């Protein structure tokens, strides 16, 4: 049953073979109807001790509210590789380090 529910969430999938690696781009949907992308890198490896082939997977989740920032950051990286010129940084309005959370914590009295 769990696999059937998982499959319902997947709306689109594309595998990109790249030598010993394979990249998967999957579009999924949360229960609330928000779409997001998972990017998975799968690498084919060989275990010298057991003589077996296995796959190592690394997965990243990319949510809709971050698409534009990710797209610009990726384009900047590609541009730098192609031209060697450092592009301007991606402008982000909010702090990714959670500074705003820290300031809210300063207002709480933790003495019990």
PDB file of N, CA and C in Angstrom:
ATOM      1  N   UNK A   1       0.823  -1.202   0.000  1.00  0.00           N
ATOM      2  CA  UNK A   1       0.000   0.000   0.000  1.00  0.00           C
ATOM      3  C   UNK A   1       0.861   1.258   0.000  1.00  0.00           C
ATOM      4  N   UNK A   2       1.966   1.216   0.777  1.00  0.00           N
ATOM      5  CA  UNK A   2       2.825   2.395   0.869  1.00  0.00           C
ATOM      6  C   UNK A   2       3.435   2.733  -0.492  1.00  0.00           C
ATOM      7  N   UNK A   3       3.843   1.726  -1.279  1.00  0.00           N
ATOM      8  CA  UNK A   3       4.399   1.984  -2.609  1.00  0.00           C
ATOM      9  C   UNK A   3       3.371   2.628  -3.523  1.00  0.00           C
ATOM     10  N   UNK A   4       2.102   2.213  -3.417  1.00  0.00           N
ATOM     11  CA  UNK A   4       1.063   2.805  -4.246  1.00  0.00           C
ATOM     12  C   UNK A   4       0.874   4.275  -3.891  1.00  0.00           C
ATOM     13  N   UNK A   5       0.889   4.602  -2.603  1.00  0.00           N
ATOM     14  CA  UNK A   5       0.760   5.999  -2.189  1.00  0.00           C
ATOM     15  C   UNK A   5       1.956   6.804  -2.668  1.00  0.00           C
ATOM     16  N   UNK A   6       3.157   6.215  -2.579  1.00  0.00           N
ATOM     17  CA  UNK A   6       4.366   6.902  -3.023  1.00  0.00           C
ATOM     18  C   UNK A   6       4.281   7.194  -4.522  1.00  0.00           C
ATOM     19  N   UNK A   7       3.826   6.244  -5.305  1.00  0.00           N
ATOM     20  CA  UNK A   7       3.729   6.427  -6.749  1.00  0.00           C
ATOM     21  C   UNK A   7       2.727   7.519  -7.117  1.00  0.00           C
ATOM     22  N   UNK A   8       1.675   7.675  -6.344  1.00  0.00           N
ATOM     23  CA  UNK A   8       0.694   8.727  -6.617  1.00  0.00           C
ATOM     24  C   UNK A   8       1.338  10.097  -6.518  1.00  0.00           C
ATOM     25  N   UNK A   9       2.317  10.237  -5.633  1.00  0.00           N
ATOM     26  CA  UNK A   9       2.981  11.519  -5.440  1.00  0.00           C
ATOM     27  C   UNK A   9       3.860  11.876  -6.632  1.00  0.00           C
ATOM     28  N   UNK A  10       4.391  10.876  -7.362  1.00  0.00           N
ATOM     29  CA  UNK A  10       5.308  11.139  -8.456  1.00  0.00           C
ATOM     30  C   UNK A  10       4.527  11.490  -9.716  1.00  0.00           C
ATOM     31  N   UNK A  11       4.736  12.712 -10.208  1.00  0.00           N
ATOM     32  CA  UNK A  11       4.012  13.200 -11.372  1.00  0.00           C
ATOM     33  C   UNK A  11       4.813  13.079 -12.664  1.00  0.00           C
ATOM     34  N   UNK A  12       6.142  13.110 -12.532  1.00  0.00           N
ATOM     35  CA  UNK A  12       7.013  13.100 -13.712  1.00  0.00           C
ATOM     36  C   UNK A  12       8.371  12.570 -13.279  1.00  0.00           C
ATOM     37  N   UNK A  13       9.034  11.817 -14.141  1.00  0.00           N
ATOM     38  CA  UNK A  13      10.361  11.311 -13.831  1.00  0.00           C
ATOM     39  C   UNK A  13      11.187  11.225 -15.109  1.00  0.00           C
ATOM     40  N   UNK A  14      12.447  11.613 -14.984  1.00  0.00           N
ATOM     41  CA  UNK A  14      13.358  11.500 -16.114  1.00  0.00           C
ATOM     42  C   UNK A  14      14.715  11.059 -15.590  1.00  0.00           C
ATOM     43  N   UNK A  15      15.289  10.026 -16.222  1.00  0.00           N
ATOM     44  CA  UNK A  15      16.616   9.539 -15.865  1.00  0.00           C
ATOM     45  C   UNK A  15      17.604   9.989 -16.933  1.00  0.00           C
ATOM     46  N   UNK A  16      18.744  10.500 -16.495  1.00  0.00           N
ATOM     47  CA  UNK A  16      19.793  10.962 -17.403  1.00  0.00           C
ATOM     48  C   UNK A  16      21.039  10.105 -17.168  1.00  0.00           C
ATOM     49  N   UNK A  17      21.354   9.167 -18.082  1.00  0.00           N
ATOM     50  CA  UNK A  17      22.573   8.385 -17.925  1.00  0.00           C
ATOM     51  C   UNK A  17      23.798   9.255 -18.202  1.00  0.00           C
ATOM     52  N   UNK A  18      24.833   9.109 -17.356  1.00  0.00           N
ATOM     53  CA  UNK A  18      26.053   9.909 -17.515  1.00  0.00           C
ATOM     54  C   UNK A  18      27.256   9.088 -17.049  1.00  0.00           C
ATOM     55  N   UNK A  19      27.671   8.123 -17.871  1.00  0.00           N
ATOM     56  CA  UNK A  19      28.802   7.273 -17.508  1.00  0.00           C
ATOM     57  C   UNK A  19      28.444   6.371 -16.334  1.00  0.00           C
ATOM     58  N   UNK A  20      29.264   6.416 -15.262  1.00  0.00           N
ATOM     59  CA  UNK A  20      29.001   5.602 -14.078  1.00  0.00           C
ATOM     60  C   UNK A  20      27.944   6.222 -13.174  1.00  0.00           C
ATOM     61  N   UNK A  21      27.461   7.388 -13.570  1.00  0.00           N
ATOM     62  CA  UNK A  21      26.420   8.074 -12.803  1.00  0.00           C
ATOM     63  C   UNK A  21      25.123   8.084 -13.584  1.00  0.00           C
ATOM     64  N   UNK A  22      24.066   8.257 -12.838  1.00  0.00           N
ATOM     65  CA  UNK A  22      22.752   8.462 -13.444  1.00  0.00           C
ATOM     66  C   UNK A  22      22.060   9.515 -12.588  1.00  0.00           C
ATOM     67  N   UNK A  23      21.472  10.489 -13.253  1.00  0.00           N
ATOM     68  CA  UNK A  23      20.752  11.552 -12.560  1.00  0.00           C
ATOM     69  C   UNK A  23      19.260  11.348 -12.800  1.00  0.00           C
ATOM     70  N   UNK A  24      18.491  11.488 -11.727  1.00  0.00           N
ATOM     71  CA  UNK A  24      17.045  11.356 -11.813  1.00  0.00           C
ATOM     72  C   UNK A  24      16.416  12.678 -11.413  1.00  0.00           C
ATOM     73  N   UNK A  25      15.501  13.157 -12.234  1.00  0.00           N
ATOM     74  CA  UNK A  25      14.729  14.353 -11.940  1.00  0.00           C
ATOM     75  C   UNK A  25      13.278  13.908 -11.785  1.00  0.00           C
ATOM     76  N   UNK A  26      12.767  13.993 -10.588  1.00  0.00           N
ATOM     77  CA  UNK A  26      11.404  13.546 -10.303  1.00  0.00           C
ATOM     78  C   UNK A  26      10.583  14.709  -9.779  1.00  0.00           C
ATOM     79  N   UNK A  27       9.407  14.899 -10.350  1.00  0.00           N
ATOM     80  CA  UNK A  27       8.474  15.909  -9.859  1.00  0.00           C
ATOM     81  C   UNK A  27       7.444  15.166  -9.020  1.00  0.00           C
ATOM     82  N   UNK A  28       7.276  15.628  -7.798  1.00  0.00           N
ATOM     83  CA  UNK A  28       6.339  14.995  -6.868  1.00  0.00           C
ATOM     84  C   UNK A  28       5.400  16.055  -6.315  1.00  0.00           C
ATOM     85  N   UNK A  29       4.416  15.583  -5.593  1.00  0.00           N
ATOM     86  CA  UNK A  29       3.420  16.490  -5.023  1.00  0.00           C
ATOM     87  C   UNK A  29       3.192  16.125  -3.562  1.00  0.00           C
ATOM     88  N   UNK A  30       3.172  17.130  -2.709  1.00  0.00           N
ATOM     89  CA  UNK A  30       2.876  16.893  -1.304  1.00  0.00           C
ATOM     90  C   UNK A  30       1.390  16.613  -1.146  1.00  0.00           C
ATOM     91  N   UNK A  31       1.008  16.160   0.020  1.00  0.00           N
ATOM     92  CA  UNK A  31      -0.410  15.922   0.282  1.00  0.00           C
ATOM     93  C   UNK A  31      -1.213  17.203   0.152  1.00  0.00           C
ATOM     94  N   UNK A  32      -0.560  18.334   0.396  1.00  0.00           N
ATOM     95  CA  UNK A  32      -1.231  19.624   0.283  1.00  0.00           C
ATOM     96  C   UNK A  32      -1.305  20.152  -1.137  1.00  0.00           C
ATOM     97  N   UNK A  33      -0.763  19.402  -2.106  1.00  0.00           N
ATOM     98  CA  UNK A  33      -0.856  19.805  -3.502  1.00  0.00           C
ATOM     99  C   UNK A  33       0.312  20.635  -4.010  1.00  0.00           C
ATOM    100  N   UNK A  34       1.336  20.877  -3.181  1.00  0.00           N
ATOM    101  CA  UNK A  34       2.508  21.637  -3.628  1.00  0.00           C
ATOM    102  C   UNK A  34       3.466  20.720  -4.374  1.00  0.00           C
ATOM    103  N   UNK A  35       3.938  21.180  -5.515  1.00  0.00           N
ATOM    104  CA  UNK A  35       4.875  20.394  -6.303  1.00  0.00           C
ATOM    105  C   UNK A  35       6.309  20.718  -5.896  1.00  0.00           C
ATOM    106  N   UNK A  36       7.182  19.697  -5.971  1.00  0.00           N
ATOM    107  CA  UNK A  36       8.599  19.873  -5.699  1.00  0.00           C
ATOM    108  C   UNK A  36       9.393  18.902  -6.560  1.00  0.00           C
ATOM    109  N   UNK A  37      10.693  19.124  -6.633  1.00  0.00           N
ATOM    110  CA  UNK A  37      11.574  18.293  -7.453  1.00  0.00           C
ATOM    111  C   UNK A  37      12.547  17.558  -6.537  1.00  0.00           C
ATOM    112  N   UNK A  38      12.766  16.281  -6.812  1.00  0.00           N
ATOM    113  CA  UNK A  38      13.881  15.590  -6.182  1.00  0.00           C
ATOM    114  C   UNK A  38      14.910  15.328  -7.274  1.00  0.00           C
ATOM    115  N   UNK A  39      16.148  15.637  -6.969  1.00  0.00           N
ATOM    116  CA  UNK A  39      17.253  15.370  -7.879  1.00  0.00           C
ATOM    117  C   UNK A  39      18.104  14.308  -7.189  1.00  0.00           C
ATOM    118  N   UNK A  40      18.261  13.171  -7.850  1.00  0.00           N
ATOM    119  CA  UNK A  40      19.015  12.064  -7.270  1.00  0.00           C
ATOM    120  C   UNK A  40      20.202  11.750  -8.160  1.00  0.00           C
ATOM    121  N   UNK A  41      21.370  11.633  -7.544  1.00  0.00           N
ATOM    122  CA  UNK A  41      22.555  11.151  -8.236  1.00  0.00           C
ATOM    123  C   UNK A  41      22.770   9.723  -7.762  1.00  0.00           C
ATOM    124  N   UNK A  42      22.840   8.786  -8.696  1.00  0.00           N
ATOM    125  CA  UNK A  42      23.106   7.392  -8.379  1.00  0.00           C
ATOM    126  C   UNK A  42      24.436   7.022  -9.023  1.00  0.00           C
ATOM    127  N   UNK A  43      25.373   6.533  -8.194  1.00  0.00           N
ATOM    128  CA  UNK A  43      26.690   6.153  -8.709  1.00  0.00           C
ATOM    129  C   UNK A  43      26.880   4.651  -8.564  1.00  0.00           C
ATOM    130  N   UNK A  44      27.347   4.034  -9.620  1.00  0.00           N
ATOM    131  CA  UNK A  44      27.633   2.605  -9.617  1.00  0.00           C
ATOM    132  C   UNK A  44      29.041   2.407  -9.068  1.00  0.00           C
ATOM    133  N   UNK A  45      29.145   1.641  -7.987  1.00  0.00           N
ATOM    134  CA  UNK A  45      30.427   1.414  -7.331  1.00  0.00           C
ATOM    135  C   UNK A  45      30.699  -0.075  -7.193  1.00  0.00           C
ATOM    136  N   UNK A  46      31.963  -0.407  -6.951  1.00  0.00           N
ATOM    137  CA  UNK A  46      32.385  -1.797  -6.793  1.00  0.00           C
ATOM    138  C   UNK A  46      33.025  -1.959  -5.430  1.00  0.00           C
ATOM    139  N   UNK A  47      32.569  -2.950  -4.667  1.00  0.00           N
ATOM    140  CA  UNK A  47      33.126  -3.238  -3.347  1.00  0.00           C
ATOM    141  C   UNK A  47      34.251  -4.262  -3.517  1.00  0.00           C
ATOM    142  N   UNK A  48      35.497  -3.835  -3.298  1.00  0.00           N
ATOM    143  CA  UNK A  48      36.652  -4.719  -3.470  1.00  0.00           C
ATOM    144  C   UNK A  48      36.652  -5.879  -2.481  1.00  0.00           C
ATOM    145  N   UNK A  49      36.070  -5.677  -1.308  1.00  0.00           N
ATOM    146  CA  UNK A  49      36.052  -6.738  -0.287  1.00  0.00           C
ATOM    147  C   UNK A  49      35.086  -7.862  -0.637  1.00  0.00           C
ATOM    148  N   UNK A  50      33.905  -7.521  -1.128  1.00  0.00           N
ATOM    149  CA  UNK A  50      32.891  -8.537  -1.412  1.00  0.00           C
ATOM    150  C   UNK A  50      32.807  -8.893  -2.892  1.00  0.00           C
ATOM    151  N   UNK A  51      33.365  -8.050  -3.746  1.00  0.00           N
ATOM    152  CA  UNK A  51      33.293  -8.280  -5.177  1.00  0.00           C
ATOM    153  C   UNK A  51      31.938  -7.945  -5.776  1.00  0.00           C
ATOM    154  N   UNK A  52      31.119  -7.228  -5.019  1.00  0.00           N
ATOM    155  CA  UNK A  52      29.778  -6.900  -5.489  1.00  0.00           C
ATOM    156  C   UNK A  52      29.684  -5.459  -5.979  1.00  0.00           C
ATOM    157  N   UNK A  53      28.795  -5.262  -6.935  1.00  0.00           N
ATOM    158  CA  UNK A  53      28.480  -3.924  -7.432  1.00  0.00           C
ATOM    159  C   UNK A  53      27.315  -3.392  -6.610  1.00  0.00           C
ATOM    160  N   UNK A  54      27.392  -2.116  -6.241  1.00  0.00           N
ATOM    161  CA  UNK A  54      26.287  -1.499  -5.512  1.00  0.00           C
ATOM    162  C   UNK A  54      26.137  -0.061  -5.986  1.00  0.00           C
ATOM    163  N   UNK A  55      25.033   0.544  -5.595  1.00  0.00           N
ATOM    164  CA  UNK A  55      24.740   1.908  -6.016  1.00  0.00           C
ATOM    165  C   UNK A  55      24.688   2.814  -4.794  1.00  0.00           C
ATOM    166  N   UNK A  56      25.383   3.936  -4.882  1.00  0.00           N
ATOM    167  CA  UNK A  56      25.331   4.956  -3.833  1.00  0.00           C
ATOM    168  C   UNK A  56      24.444   6.084  -4.351  1.00  0.00           C
ATOM    169  N   UNK A  57      23.470   6.474  -3.538  1.00  0.00           N
ATOM    170  CA  UNK A  57      22.533   7.508  -3.980  1.00  0.00           C
ATOM    171  C   UNK A  57      22.617   8.730  -3.077  1.00  0.00           C
ATOM    172  N   UNK A  58      22.570   9.892  -3.703  1.00  0.00           N
ATOM    173  CA  UNK A  58      22.497  11.165  -3.001  1.00  0.00           C
ATOM    174  C   UNK A  58      21.278  11.900  -3.541  1.00  0.00           C
ATOM    175  N   UNK A  59      20.480  12.402  -2.636  1.00  0.00           N
ATOM    176  CA  UNK A  59      19.213  13.000  -3.042  1.00  0.00           C
ATOM    177  C   UNK A  59      19.103  14.423  -2.510  1.00  0.00           C
ATOM    178  N   UNK A  60      18.517  15.280  -3.330  1.00  0.00           N
ATOM    179  CA  UNK A  60      18.279  16.668  -2.952  1.00  0.00           C
ATOM    180  C   UNK A  60      16.824  16.997  -3.262  1.00  0.00           C
ATOM    181  N   UNK A  61      16.184  17.711  -2.350  1.00  0.00           N
ATOM    182  CA  UNK A  61      14.805  18.133  -2.546  1.00  0.00           C
ATOM    183  C   UNK A  61      14.808  19.624  -2.853  1.00  0.00           C
ATOM    184  N   UNK A  62      14.117  20.014  -3.899  1.00  0.00           N
ATOM    185  CA  UNK A  62      14.063  21.408  -4.310  1.00  0.00           C
ATOM    186  C   UNK A  62      12.597  21.836  -4.333  1.00  0.00           C
ATOM    187  N   UNK A  63      12.277  22.783  -3.460  1.00  0.00           N
ATOM    188  CA  UNK A  63      10.888  23.210  -3.300  1.00  0.00           C
ATOM    189  C   UNK A  63      10.587  24.432  -4.158  1.00  0.00           C
ATOM    190  N   UNK A  64       9.319  24.542  -4.520  1.00  0.00           N
ATOM    191  CA  UNK A  64       8.831  25.555  -5.455  1.00  0.00           C
ATOM    192  C   UNK A  64       9.290  26.969  -5.106  1.00  0.00           C
ATOM    193  N   UNK A  65       9.275  27.312  -3.833  1.00  0.00           N
ATOM    194  CA  UNK A  65       9.653  28.674  -3.439  1.00  0.00           C
ATOM    195  C   UNK A  65      11.139  28.962  -3.679  1.00  0.00           C
ATOM    196  N   UNK A  66      11.930  27.927  -3.950  1.00  0.00           N
ATOM    197  CA  UNK A  66      13.366  28.107  -4.179  1.00  0.00           C
ATOM    198  C   UNK A  66      13.774  27.936  -5.639  1.00  0.00           C
ATOM    199  N   UNK A  67      12.818  27.638  -6.537  1.00  0.00           N
ATOM    200  CA  UNK A  67      13.146  27.374  -7.935  1.00  0.00           C
ATOM    201  C   UNK A  67      13.936  28.512  -8.577  1.00  0.00           C
ATOM    202  N   UNK A  68      13.478  29.744  -8.432  1.00  0.00           N
ATOM    203  CA  UNK A  68      14.147  30.876  -9.093  1.00  0.00           C
ATOM    204  C   UNK A  68      15.570  31.075  -8.568  1.00  0.00           C
ATOM    205  N   UNK A  69      15.739  30.976  -7.247  1.00  0.00           N
ATOM    206  CA  UNK A  69      17.077  31.139  -6.662  1.00  0.00           C
ATOM    207  C   UNK A  69      18.010  30.025  -7.134  1.00  0.00           C
ATOM    208  N   UNK A  70      17.499  28.805  -7.154  1.00  0.00           N
ATOM    209  CA  UNK A  70      18.298  27.666  -7.605  1.00  0.00           C
ATOM    210  C   UNK A  70      18.677  27.828  -9.068  1.00  0.00           C
ATOM    211  N   UNK A  71      17.697  28.196  -9.887  1.00  0.00           N
ATOM    212  CA  UNK A  71      17.929  28.385 -11.326  1.00  0.00           C
ATOM    213  C   UNK A  71      19.013  29.434 -11.556  1.00  0.00           C
ATOM    214  N   UNK A  72      18.940  30.550 -10.834  1.00  0.00           N
ATOM    215  CA  UNK A  72      19.926  31.608 -11.024  1.00  0.00           C
ATOM    216  C   UNK A  72      21.310  31.166 -10.528  1.00  0.00           C
ATOM    217  N   UNK A  73      21.339  30.484  -9.398  1.00  0.00           N
ATOM    218  CA  UNK A  73      22.622  29.991  -8.882  1.00  0.00           C
ATOM    219  C   UNK A  73      23.259  28.982  -9.823  1.00  0.00           C
ATOM    220  N   UNK A  74      22.459  28.094 -10.387  1.00  0.00           N
ATOM    221  CA  UNK A  74      22.954  27.105 -11.332  1.00  0.00           C
ATOM    222  C   UNK A  74      23.458  27.786 -12.602  1.00  0.00           C
ATOM    223  N   UNK A  75      22.685  28.752 -13.105  1.00  0.00           N
ATOM    224  CA  UNK A  75      23.092  29.495 -14.304  1.00  0.00           C
ATOM    225  C   UNK A  75      24.391  30.253 -14.050  1.00  0.00           C
ATOM    226  N   UNK A  76      24.536  30.835 -12.860  1.00  0.00           N
ATOM    227  CA  UNK A  76      25.774  31.541 -12.513  1.00  0.00           C
ATOM    228  C   UNK A  76      26.972  30.593 -12.516  1.00  0.00           C
ATOM    229  N   UNK A  77      26.790  29.406 -11.959  1.00  0.00           N
ATOM    230  CA  UNK A  77      27.884  28.428 -11.926  1.00  0.00           C
ATOM    231  C   UNK A  77      28.272  27.998 -13.344  1.00  0.00           C
ATOM    232  N   UNK A  78      27.273  27.737 -14.188  1.00  0.00           N
ATOM    233  CA  UNK A  78      27.565  27.365 -15.579  1.00  0.00           C
ATOM    234  C   UNK A  78      28.264  28.503 -16.316  1.00  0.00           C
ATOM    235  N   UNK A  79      27.793  29.720 -16.095  1.00  0.00           N
ATOM    236  CA  UNK A  79      28.397  30.881 -16.738  1.00  0.00           C
ATOM    237  C   UNK A  79      29.866  31.028 -16.333  1.00  0.00           C
ATOM    238  N   UNK A  80      30.140  30.841 -15.053  1.00  0.00           N
ATOM    239  CA  UNK A  80      31.527  30.952 -14.582  1.00  0.00           C
ATOM    240  C   UNK A  80      32.409  29.886 -15.226  1.00  0.00           C
ATOM    241  N   UNK A  81      31.897  28.659 -15.336  1.00  0.00           N
ATOM    242  CA  UNK A  81      32.671  27.585 -15.956  1.00  0.00           C
ATOM    243  C   UNK A  81      32.965  27.922 -17.415  1.00  0.00           C
ATOM    244  N   UNK A  82      31.983  28.475 -18.108  1.00  0.00           N
ATOM    245  CA  UNK A  82      32.137  28.765 -19.535  1.00  0.00           C
ATOM    246  C   UNK A  82      32.995  29.994 -19.798  1.00  0.00           C
ATOM    247  N   UNK A  83      32.899  31.015 -18.944  1.00  0.00           N
ATOM    248  CA  UNK A  83      33.570  32.291 -19.225  1.00  0.00           C
ATOM    249  C   UNK A  83      34.735  32.606 -18.298  1.00  0.00           C
ATOM    250  N   UNK A  84      34.736  32.032 -17.095  1.00  0.00           N
ATOM    251  CA  UNK A  84      35.763  32.367 -16.110  1.00  0.00           C
ATOM    252  C   UNK A  84      35.485  33.679 -15.399  1.00  0.00           C
ATOM    253  N   UNK A  85      34.382  34.324 -15.716  1.00  0.00           N
ATOM    254  CA  UNK A  85      34.010  35.602 -15.097  1.00  0.00           C
ATOM    255  C   UNK A  85      33.045  35.324 -13.946  1.00  0.00           C
ATOM    256  N   UNK A  86      33.365  35.895 -12.783  1.00  0.00           N
ATOM    257  CA  UNK A  86      32.503  35.691 -11.617  1.00  0.00           C
ATOM    258  C   UNK A  86      31.231  36.508 -11.789  1.00  0.00           C
ATOM    259  N   UNK A  87      30.078  35.845 -11.808  1.00  0.00           N
ATOM    260  CA  UNK A  87      28.815  36.575 -11.965  1.00  0.00           C
ATOM    261  C   UNK A  87      28.397  37.221 -10.645  1.00  0.00           C
ATOM    262  N   UNK A  88      27.486  38.173 -10.709  1.00  0.00           N
ATOM    263  CA  UNK A  88      26.999  38.765  -9.466  1.00  0.00           C
ATOM    264  C   UNK A  88      26.270  37.710  -8.638  1.00  0.00           C
ATOM    265  N   UNK A  89      26.312  37.822  -7.317  1.00  0.00           N
ATOM    266  CA  UNK A  89      25.651  36.810  -6.486  1.00  0.00           C
ATOM    267  C   UNK A  89      24.138  36.846  -6.627  1.00  0.00           C
ATOM    268  N   UNK A  90      23.531  35.723  -6.307  1.00  0.00           N
ATOM    269  CA  UNK A  90      22.074  35.635  -6.285  1.00  0.00           C
ATOM    270  C   UNK A  90      21.591  36.459  -5.098  1.00  0.00           C
ATOM    271  N   UNK A  91      20.665  37.356  -5.343  1.00  0.00           N
ATOM    272  CA  UNK A  91      20.135  38.207  -4.281  1.00  0.00           C
ATOM    273  C   UNK A  91      19.037  37.441  -3.553  1.00  0.00           C
ATOM    274  N   UNK A  92      19.211  37.308  -2.246  1.00  0.00           N
ATOM    275  CA  UNK A  92      18.241  36.606  -1.419  1.00  0.00           C
ATOM    276  C   UNK A  92      17.761  37.567  -0.355  1.00  0.00           C
ATOM    277  N   UNK A  93      16.454  37.708  -0.266  1.00  0.00           N
ATOM    278  CA  UNK A  93      15.882  38.672   0.673  1.00  0.00           C
ATOM    279  C   UNK A  93      15.973  38.207   2.118  1.00  0.00           C
ATOM    280  N   UNK A  94      15.721  36.934   2.370  1.00  0.00           N
ATOM    281  CA  UNK A  94      15.745  36.452   3.742  1.00  0.00           C
ATOM    282  C   UNK A  94      17.096  35.833   4.070  1.00  0.00           C
ATOM    283  N   UNK A  95      17.369  35.695   5.353  1.00  0.00           N
ATOM    284  CA  UNK A  95      18.613  35.106   5.805  1.00  0.00           C
ATOM    285  C   UNK A  95      18.478  33.593   5.839  1.00  0.00           C
ATOM    286  N   UNK A  96      19.387  32.881   5.209  1.00  0.00           N
ATOM    287  CA  UNK A  96      19.313  31.430   5.201  1.00  0.00           C
ATOM    288  C   UNK A  96      19.900  30.836   6.469  1.00  0.00           C
ATOM    289  N   UNK A  97      20.610  31.630   7.244  1.00  0.00           N
ATOM    290  CA  UNK A  97      21.227  31.118   8.464  1.00  0.00           C
ATOM    291  C   UNK A  97      20.266  31.107   9.638  1.00  0.00           C
ATOM    292  N   UNK A  98      19.116  31.672   9.463  1.00  0.00           N
ATOM    293  CA  UNK A  98      18.152  31.677  10.545  1.00  0.00           C
ATOM    294  C   UNK A  98      18.381  32.803  11.529  1.00  0.00           C
ATOM    295  N   UNK A  99      19.023  33.895  11.096  1.00  0.00           N
ATOM    296  CA  UNK A  99      19.278  35.025  11.988  1.00  0.00           C
ATOM    297  C   UNK A  99      17.981  35.569  12.576  1.00  0.00           C
ATOM    298  N   UNK A 100      16.919  35.546  11.779  1.00  0.00           N
ATOM    299  CA  UNK A 100      15.654  36.067  12.272  1.00  0.00           C
ATOM    300  C   UNK A 100      15.110  35.189  13.401  1.00  0.00           C
ATOM    301  N   UNK A 101      15.394  33.900  13.354  1.00  0.00           N
ATOM    302  CA  UNK A 101      14.968  33.003  14.426  1.00  0.00           C
ATOM    303  C   UNK A 101      15.744  33.313  15.694  1.00  0.00           C
ATOM    304  N   UNK A 102      17.061  33.551  15.553  1.00  0.00           N
ATOM    305  CA  UNK A 102      17.885  33.867  16.714  1.00  0.00           C
ATOM    306  C   UNK A 102      17.392  35.121  17.412  1.00  0.00           C
ATOM    307  N   UNK A 103      17.004  36.145  16.632  1.00  0.00           N
ATOM    308  CA  UNK A 103      16.546  37.382  17.254  1.00  0.00           C
ATOM    309  C   UNK A 103      15.244  37.159  18.008  1.00  0.00           C
ATOM    310  N   UNK A 104      14.387  36.281  17.515  1.00  0.00           N
ATOM    311  CA  UNK A 104      13.147  35.965  18.222  1.00  0.00           C
ATOM    312  C   UNK A 104      13.454  35.204  19.507  1.00  0.00           C
ATOM    313  N   UNK A 105      14.491  34.367  19.477  1.00  0.00           N
ATOM    314  CA  UNK A 105      14.856  33.624  20.680  1.00  0.00           C
ATOM    315  C   UNK A 105      15.397  34.541  21.762  1.00  0.00           C
ATOM    316  N   UNK A 106      15.986  35.679  21.367  1.00  0.00           N
ATOM    317  CA  UNK A 106      16.507  36.624  22.339  1.00  0.00           C
ATOM    318  C   UNK A 106      15.405  37.198  23.234  1.00  0.00           C
ATOM    319  N   UNK A 107      14.178  37.214  22.746  1.00  0.00           N
ATOM    320  CA  UNK A 107      13.064  37.778  23.492  1.00  0.00           C
ATOM    321  C   UNK A 107      12.429  36.793  24.474  1.00  0.00           C
ATOM    322  N   UNK A 108      12.883  35.516  24.437  1.00  0.00           N
ATOM    323  CA  UNK A 108      12.272  34.506  25.299  1.00  0.00           C
ATOM    324  C   UNK A 108      13.080  34.369  26.586  1.00  0.00           C
ATOM    325  N   UNK A 109      12.362  34.310  27.696  1.00  0.00           N
ATOM    326  CA  UNK A 109      13.000  34.106  28.993  1.00  0.00           C
ATOM    327  C   UNK A 109      13.088  32.601  29.239  1.00  0.00           C
ATOM    328  N   UNK A 110      14.318  32.051  29.224  1.00  0.00           N
ATOM    329  CA  UNK A 110      14.503  30.621  29.371  1.00  0.00           C
ATOM    330  C   UNK A 110      14.706  30.190  30.827  1.00  0.00           C
ATOM    331  N   UNK A 111      14.506  31.075  31.784  1.00  0.00           N
ATOM    332  CA  UNK A 111      14.647  30.726  33.199  1.00  0.00           C
ATOM    333  C   UNK A 111      13.380  30.016  33.660  1.00  0.00           C
ATOM    334  N   UNK A 112      13.539  28.834  34.184  1.00  0.00           N
ATOM    335  CA  UNK A 112      12.381  28.046  34.625  1.00  0.00           C
ATOM    336  C   UNK A 112      12.304  27.990  36.135  1.00  0.00           C
TER     337      UNK A 112
END
